[in-house]
Amino acid sequence: MNVICSNVAADFLKDLAEATIPLDEDLEDQQKESLSPANPEQLAISEDLLRKLEGPLDAQEQQLLSLVRNGYKNAEIGEHFGWSYGKAAIRVHRLRKKVRIFMKAQAF
């Protein structure tokens, strides 16, 4: 029974995460402006950080980073590289660890 409840809850949360909910429906104009895309300065900073991050990564890690940034799931990443799901999950975990270390070094 516990397994069934866990599976139902997991399915519900998955469906909820995939649902599109309009966030700006009841917001004032000033609040809507804060939801606008990043300004040019923020974009330049982000692109600079990304270039610095990609520098020490090998070509495969750079491609993996691109897939993760674009929202690919571990199964899709594994299929892309010809890896098992487990290997893809481990590689993504290690990449995220490298990103965390990089961000700490950059004082973020």
C-alpha atoms as a PDB file:
ATOM      1  CA  MET A   1       0.000   0.000   0.000  1.00  0.00           C
ATOM      2  CA  ASN A   2       2.860   2.344   0.838  1.00  0.00           C
ATOM      3  CA  VAL A   3       4.393   1.821  -2.624  1.00  0.00           C
ATOM      4  CA  ILE A   4       1.084   2.587  -4.325  1.00  0.00           C
ATOM      5  CA  CYS A   5       0.692   5.823  -2.359  1.00  0.00           C
ATOM      6  CA  SER A   6       4.256   6.825  -3.203  1.00  0.00           C
ATOM      7  CA  ASN A   7       3.694   6.164  -6.908  1.00  0.00           C
ATOM      8  CA  VAL A   8       0.419   8.099  -6.954  1.00  0.00           C
ATOM      9  CA  ALA A   9       2.072  11.034  -5.194  1.00  0.00           C
ATOM     10  CA  ALA A  10       5.041  10.934  -7.591  1.00  0.00           C
ATOM     11  CA  ASP A  11       2.700  10.897 -10.611  1.00  0.00           C
ATOM     12  CA  PHE A  12       0.701  13.791  -9.178  1.00  0.00           C
ATOM     13  CA  LEU A  13       3.838  15.867  -8.562  1.00  0.00           C
ATOM     14  CA  LYS A  14       5.145  15.078 -12.052  1.00  0.00           C
ATOM     15  CA  ASP A  15       1.861  16.210 -13.626  1.00  0.00           C
ATOM     16  CA  LEU A  16       1.836  19.311 -11.450  1.00  0.00           C
ATOM     17  CA  ALA A  17       5.407  20.207 -12.449  1.00  0.00           C
ATOM     18  CA  GLU A  18       4.514  19.910 -16.138  1.00  0.00           C
ATOM     19  CA  ALA A  19       1.360  22.026 -15.816  1.00  0.00           C
ATOM     20  CA  THR A  20       1.470  25.560 -17.175  1.00  0.00           C
ATOM     21  CA  ILE A  21       0.212  28.109 -14.705  1.00  0.00           C
ATOM     22  CA  PRO A  22      -0.002  31.768 -15.787  1.00  0.00           C
ATOM     23  CA  LEU A  23       1.949  33.677 -13.152  1.00  0.00           C
ATOM     24  CA  ASP A  24       1.232  37.187 -14.361  1.00  0.00           C
ATOM     25  CA  GLU A  25      -2.561  36.949 -14.379  1.00  0.00           C
ATOM     26  CA  ASP A  26      -3.332  39.228 -11.410  1.00  0.00           C
ATOM     27  CA  LEU A  27      -0.114  41.242 -11.220  1.00  0.00           C
ATOM     28  CA  GLU A  28       0.201  44.999 -11.394  1.00  0.00           C
ATOM     29  CA  ASP A  29       2.165  46.544 -14.296  1.00  0.00           C
ATOM     30  CA  GLN A  30       5.174  47.214 -12.067  1.00  0.00           C
ATOM     31  CA  GLN A  31       5.236  43.580 -10.946  1.00  0.00           C
ATOM     32  CA  LYS A  32       4.946  42.361 -14.556  1.00  0.00           C
ATOM     33  CA  GLU A  33       8.064  44.347 -15.484  1.00  0.00           C
ATOM     34  CA  SER A  34      10.083  42.389 -12.917  1.00  0.00           C
ATOM     35  CA  LEU A  35       9.165  39.183 -14.790  1.00  0.00           C
ATOM     36  CA  SER A  36      10.667  40.495 -18.031  1.00  0.00           C
ATOM     37  CA  PRO A  37      13.800  38.840 -19.453  1.00  0.00           C
ATOM     38  CA  ALA A  38      17.193  39.839 -18.132  1.00  0.00           C
ATOM     39  CA  ASN A  39      18.567  43.201 -19.168  1.00  0.00           C
ATOM     40  CA  PRO A  40      21.604  43.394 -21.497  1.00  0.00           C
ATOM     41  CA  GLU A  41      24.025  43.776 -18.584  1.00  0.00           C
ATOM     42  CA  GLN A  42      22.712  40.639 -16.873  1.00  0.00           C
ATOM     43  CA  LEU A  43      22.890  38.730 -20.152  1.00  0.00           C
ATOM     44  CA  ALA A  44      26.505  39.822 -20.693  1.00  0.00           C
ATOM     45  CA  ILE A  45      27.459  38.736 -17.165  1.00  0.00           C
ATOM     46  CA  SER A  46      25.749  35.369 -17.662  1.00  0.00           C
ATOM     47  CA  GLU A  47      27.469  34.780 -21.000  1.00  0.00           C
ATOM     48  CA  ASP A  48      30.855  35.716 -19.494  1.00  0.00           C
ATOM     49  CA  LEU A  49      30.345  33.286 -16.598  1.00  0.00           C
ATOM     50  CA  LEU A  50      29.313  30.556 -18.998  1.00  0.00           C
ATOM     51  CA  ARG A  51      32.453  31.071 -21.114  1.00  0.00           C
ATOM     52  CA  LYS A  52      34.620  30.946 -17.979  1.00  0.00           C
ATOM     53  CA  LEU A  53      32.859  27.799 -16.835  1.00  0.00           C
ATOM     54  CA  GLU A  54      33.192  26.046 -20.191  1.00  0.00           C
ATOM     55  CA  GLY A  55      36.937  26.828 -20.388  1.00  0.00           C
ATOM     56  CA  PRO A  56      38.212  23.931 -18.240  1.00  0.00           C
ATOM     57  CA  LEU A  57      35.547  21.484 -19.487  1.00  0.00           C
ATOM     58  CA  ASP A  58      36.323  19.009 -22.250  1.00  0.00           C
ATOM     59  CA  ALA A  59      34.152  18.883 -25.382  1.00  0.00           C
ATOM     60  CA  GLN A  60      31.890  16.141 -24.040  1.00  0.00           C
ATOM     61  CA  GLU A  61      31.317  17.990 -20.752  1.00  0.00           C
ATOM     62  CA  GLN A  62      30.515  21.171 -22.674  1.00  0.00           C
ATOM     63  CA  GLN A  63      27.934  19.283 -24.714  1.00  0.00           C
ATOM     64  CA  LEU A  64      26.553  17.729 -21.524  1.00  0.00           C
ATOM     65  CA  LEU A  65      26.302  21.187 -19.936  1.00  0.00           C
ATOM     66  CA  SER A  66      24.398  22.428 -22.972  1.00  0.00           C
ATOM     67  CA  LEU A  67      21.922  19.557 -22.745  1.00  0.00           C
ATOM     68  CA  VAL A  68      21.390  20.092 -19.008  1.00  0.00           C
ATOM     69  CA  ARG A  69      20.904  23.840 -19.533  1.00  0.00           C
ATOM     70  CA  ASN A  70      18.293  23.084 -22.194  1.00  0.00           C
ATOM     71  CA  GLY A  71      16.307  20.907 -19.775  1.00  0.00           C
ATOM     72  CA  TYR A  72      17.082  17.431 -21.088  1.00  0.00           C
ATOM     73  CA  LYS A  73      16.349  14.608 -18.648  1.00  0.00           C
ATOM     74  CA  ASN A  74      18.960  11.994 -17.685  1.00  0.00           C
ATOM     75  CA  ALA A  75      17.313   9.368 -19.879  1.00  0.00           C
ATOM     76  CA  GLU A  76      17.450  11.690 -22.896  1.00  0.00           C
ATOM     77  CA  ILE A  77      21.073  12.574 -22.161  1.00  0.00           C
ATOM     78  CA  GLY A  78      21.955   8.895 -21.886  1.00  0.00           C
ATOM     79  CA  GLU A  79      20.274   8.198 -25.202  1.00  0.00           C
ATOM     80  CA  HIS A  80      22.102  11.121 -26.832  1.00  0.00           C
ATOM     81  CA  PHE A  81      25.537   9.877 -25.734  1.00  0.00           C
ATOM     82  CA  GLY A  82      24.755   6.158 -25.884  1.00  0.00           C
ATOM     83  CA  TRP A  83      25.060   5.801 -22.101  1.00  0.00           C
ATOM     84  CA  SER A  84      22.880   3.983 -19.610  1.00  0.00           C
ATOM     85  CA  TYR A  85      20.528   6.031 -17.468  1.00  0.00           C
ATOM     86  CA  GLY A  86      22.784   5.478 -14.452  1.00  0.00           C
ATOM     87  CA  LYS A  87      25.914   6.665 -16.211  1.00  0.00           C
ATOM     88  CA  ALA A  88      24.093   9.755 -17.474  1.00  0.00           C
ATOM     89  CA  ALA A  89      22.843  10.544 -13.958  1.00  0.00           C
ATOM     90  CA  ILE A  90      26.352  10.183 -12.528  1.00  0.00           C
ATOM     91  CA  ARG A  91      27.893  12.387 -15.221  1.00  0.00           C
ATOM     92  CA  VAL A  92      25.228  15.067 -14.670  1.00  0.00           C
ATOM     93  CA  HIS A  93      25.816  14.875 -10.908  1.00  0.00           C
ATOM     94  CA  ARG A  94      29.583  15.303 -11.378  1.00  0.00           C
ATOM     95  CA  LEU A  95      29.051  18.203 -13.779  1.00  0.00           C
ATOM     96  CA  ARG A  96      26.759  19.947 -11.298  1.00  0.00           C
ATOM     97  CA  LYS A  97      29.420  19.456  -8.618  1.00  0.00           C
ATOM     98  CA  LYS A  98      31.985  21.141 -10.890  1.00  0.00           C
ATOM     99  CA  VAL A  99      29.559  24.015 -11.492  1.00  0.00           C
ATOM    100  CA  ARG A 100      28.982  24.442  -7.734  1.00  0.00           C
ATOM    101  CA  ILE A 101      32.744  24.532  -7.096  1.00  0.00           C
ATOM    102  CA  PHE A 102      33.163  27.058  -9.910  1.00  0.00           C
ATOM    103  CA  MET A 103      30.371  29.262  -8.566  1.00  0.00           C
ATOM    104  CA  LYS A 104      31.858  29.199  -5.050  1.00  0.00           C
ATOM    105  CA  ALA A 105      35.224  30.225  -6.490  1.00  0.00           C
ATOM    106  CA  GLN A 106      33.495  33.098  -8.299  1.00  0.00           C
ATOM    107  CA  ALA A 107      31.885  34.142  -4.973  1.00  0.00           C
ATOM    108  CA  PHE A 108      28.290  33.382  -5.961  1.00  0.00           C
END
